[in-house]
Amino acid sequence: MSCLATRLIQLRKQLKRQSAHLQRLKIKISQQCETLSVAVDDSLHSDLRATSALPDCTDIMQQYPKDSFPRIFWQQQMEAASRKNARTMRWHPLMIRWCLSLRHRSSGAYEAIRDSGCLKLPSQRTLRDYTHYVEAKCGFSVEIDSMLKSASKVDTCPESEKCTILLIDEMHIREDLVYECSLQFPYVHFACNDMCGHQIYDPLWEAVWRIENCGLKVLGVTFDGAAVNRSLVKLHKAPSEDVQHKTFSDDRRFFLFFSDAPHLLKTCGIVSCLTSEAWKNIWWNHLKKFYDEDSNAGMGLRMVPKLKYEHLHINSFSAMRVDLAAQVLSESVSQALHLTGGDEVSETAHFIGMMDRFFDALNVHNFSNGSKALKPFQLPYTSATDFRLKWLKDTFLCYLKDWKVSVQDRVGISTSERNRMLLSDATQLGLEMTCE
């Protein structure tokens, strides 16, 4: 007790000294203001007050359309800055969605922006209330069905907008996961260490049944080339079909199976192949040789400036990047090989051109990109008899089948050599299933 009493006496003395020092500073400041201050007229006084006041964002907001996000953003910033208590702030739904997207990319960066005071943003506790609006649990949920029906506005939207596609994928999730807008509606998830195709069969069709009961029309499902997904497709295979690509739903409407086009692009490795006419090589070394020659071109002028070292020297990480695969298997690379390589690389250039058109045909995502890039395969689809649908089935698919038959008919080579001359079975199946 004596130690605590001594410590208390010391703290009181220290507080008394600090208070005396503060008082002396106040007196000194008052004296300097009286002796060194300068009087200003009313006009200068008004200008100084206007300069030091908070800026009015009204003029900035009026530059944007009403109900647009930039205007809402400025309104929210003004309102949050005027609040004495941040807990009384009510955030606009668009502001909440933007903050969720920002926090999803980096929660640390989001906190750094909040702590800097440059922007007024809701706390992570507030955002958590929105991300955990429905209790996260495995399996199907009546609450999720209700949210899907409300979000899709099935009672008022036209019939064409009721059509939807399911996406099946496996992923490693982390705490406080927030999906991006590219994933339109995460419907159901199941926790597992491993899974077989027959275990997905019942959940798939229950999902179709529940979604169609909400008023939507499920046209098909897309997935990557994982073994479990290929096993699921085989469960729907009819004995008379070589490649199963569709089945019937309850109302006799086609239910289609698609392989994910970006995944197919990544798995289309460059191999040695045999065409139906003669031996021709599709080699990765053709691209490496072209890159070396193009990189050493004088004056810094290159035919394919986007082609970098990381495109051609693949590791386990870069092998999963779709952007690298799309830039290698592109029309510009195909044309450059045709111009510089001659007949030796003609089949490599032809294969790259075919894959570029295949990906363009399955990657149409807006109305203007095809016309801006002068690529007809990226134009929006407007007819069920579009030339690209015929090209996929009659040209691209026949190219793959002729390639496969040519290699299989080759004699005097081992099974391992024959496999190296072809795309993998999973990639071949995915391409055939999607093109059909």
Foldseek 3Di string as FASTA:
>chain_A
DVVVVVVVVVVVVVVVVVVVVVVVVVVVVVVCCVVPPDDDDPVVVVVVVVVPDDDDCPVVLVVDDPPDPVNLQVVLQVVCVPDPDNVVRDHDPVLLLVLLVVVLVPVVVSVVVCVVVPGPHDDVVVSVCVLCVDPDDADADPVLLVVVLVVQVLVPDDQVSLEDEAEDDDDDDDPPHDDDVVPPGDGGDDDDPDDAQVVVQVVVVVVQVSSVVSVGHYQEYEYALDRRVVRVQVVQDDPVDPFRFWDADPVRHIYGYAYDLLNLLLQPDAFFFAFLPGGAGQDLVLVVVLVVVQCPDPPRDGQQVVDDPPLSDDDPVSSPDSVSSLSCLALSVLVSCCVPPPPNCNVNSVVSPLSHLVSLLVPQDDQPPCVVVVNVSNHDDDDPVDVSLVCLPPPVLVRQVSRLVRLVPDPDDDPVSSCRNHRDPSSNSNSNSNSD
